[in-house]
Protein backbone atom coordinates (compact mmCIF):
# COMPACT_ATOMS: atom_id res chain seq x y z
CA MET A 1 5.37 1.42 -13.27
CA SER A 2 5.83 -2.05 -13.39
CA THR A 3 4.47 -5.11 -11.35
CA LYS A 4 8.10 -5.45 -10.35
CA GLN A 5 8.36 -1.91 -8.80
CA THR A 6 5.20 -2.09 -7.60
CA ILE A 7 5.90 -5.38 -5.48
CA ALA A 8 9.36 -3.70 -4.18
CA ASP A 9 7.67 -0.38 -3.43
CA LYS A 10 4.89 -2.54 -1.01
CA LEU A 11 7.14 -4.68 0.36
CA THR A 12 9.17 -1.59 1.23
CA THR A 13 6.89 0.16 3.00
CA ALA A 14 5.28 -3.00 4.83
CA PHE A 15 8.63 -4.26 6.34
CA ALA A 16 11.23 -1.93 6.17
CA PRO A 17 13.55 -4.83 4.58
CA SER A 18 17.64 -4.13 5.43
CA TYR A 19 17.53 -6.43 1.69
CA LEU A 20 15.31 -6.35 -0.85
CA ASN A 21 15.85 -8.49 -4.01
CA VAL A 22 12.68 -8.80 -6.27
CA ILE A 23 13.43 -10.93 -9.88
CA ASP A 24 10.63 -11.95 -12.59
CA GLU A 25 11.17 -15.35 -13.34
CA SER A 26 8.48 -15.07 -16.22
CA ASP A 27 10.89 -15.88 -18.87
CA LYS A 28 11.51 -19.19 -17.27
CA HIS A 29 7.98 -19.99 -17.32
CA ALA A 30 7.26 -19.05 -21.11
CA GLY A 31 4.53 -21.65 -22.33
CA HIS A 32 3.46 -22.93 -18.70
CA GLY A 33 0.38 -22.42 -16.75
CA GLY A 34 -0.35 -18.24 -16.03
CA TRP A 35 2.36 -17.23 -18.31
CA ARG A 36 1.76 -14.51 -20.85
CA GLU A 37 3.64 -12.66 -23.33
CA GLY A 38 5.77 -9.38 -21.31
CA GLY A 39 6.00 -11.32 -18.64
CA GLU A 40 5.89 -9.64 -15.29
CA THR A 41 3.84 -13.41 -14.49
CA HIS A 42 6.40 -15.42 -12.28
CA PHE A 43 8.35 -13.71 -9.49
CA ARG A 44 10.83 -14.57 -6.64
CA VAL A 45 11.01 -12.42 -3.72
CA GLN A 46 13.89 -12.20 -1.37
CA ILE A 47 13.55 -10.38 1.57
CA ALA A 48 15.34 -9.94 4.86
CA SER A 49 13.30 -7.64 7.83
CA SER A 50 13.58 -7.76 11.28
CA ALA A 51 9.83 -6.98 11.13
CA PHE A 52 9.56 -11.35 10.94
CA GLU A 53 11.43 -11.51 14.23
CA GLY A 54 9.59 -14.39 15.92
CA MET A 55 6.84 -15.12 13.18
CA SER A 56 6.97 -18.89 11.77
CA ARG A 57 7.60 -19.33 8.39
CA VAL A 58 4.04 -19.77 7.14
CA ALA A 59 2.95 -16.31 9.35
CA GLN A 60 5.78 -14.26 7.17
CA HIS A 61 4.39 -15.91 3.88
CA ARG A 62 0.86 -14.60 4.78
CA ALA A 63 2.00 -11.54 5.45
CA ILE A 64 3.80 -11.08 2.50
CA ASN A 65 1.29 -12.81 0.22
CA GLU A 66 -1.20 -10.26 1.96
CA THR A 67 0.78 -7.18 1.07
CA LEU A 68 0.52 -8.15 -2.25
CA ALA A 69 -2.76 -9.11 -2.73
CA GLY A 70 -3.87 -6.89 -5.41
CA GLU A 71 -1.08 -8.07 -7.93
CA LEU A 72 -1.51 -12.05 -6.99
CA ALA A 73 -4.93 -11.23 -7.79
CA ASN A 74 -4.44 -9.16 -10.98
CA GLY A 75 -1.62 -11.01 -13.39
CA VAL A 76 0.65 -12.10 -10.81
CA HIS A 77 0.47 -16.09 -11.42
CA ALA A 78 3.37 -17.14 -9.02
CA LEU A 79 5.17 -15.77 -6.15
CA ALA A 80 8.38 -17.65 -4.46
CA ILE A 81 9.42 -16.15 -1.43
CA GLU A 82 12.50 -16.43 0.41
CA VAL A 83 12.93 -14.98 3.73
CA ASN A 84 16.58 -14.61 4.98
CA ARG A 85 17.70 -13.21 8.54
CA PRO A 86 18.20 -9.53 8.53
CA GLU A 87 22.40 -8.88 8.21
C-alpha cells in the first residue's frame, strides 16, 4: 500500500472526514532536504471533519500529527495540513 493511501486510511478511521484530499507534493521538492527518488516524502492534507469542532488550530494539527506519527517517523519528511470547516 502506498504512503498516500495509508495516510488517507488512517485519517478516515480517526476523523471520519466529510472531505479528505491527500496530495503527494514530493515532485515539487526534488533535490531538497528529505526528498528521495520515488517520492512519497512530502504531502499536503486537506481535511474537513466535525471531529475538529471546538479545537484550536494547534490542537487539530497535533491530532493529525499524532495519527500519522508512524509515517512521519518513517519516510514522510513534510506534512502540510489544511483543516476546513465540514460541509
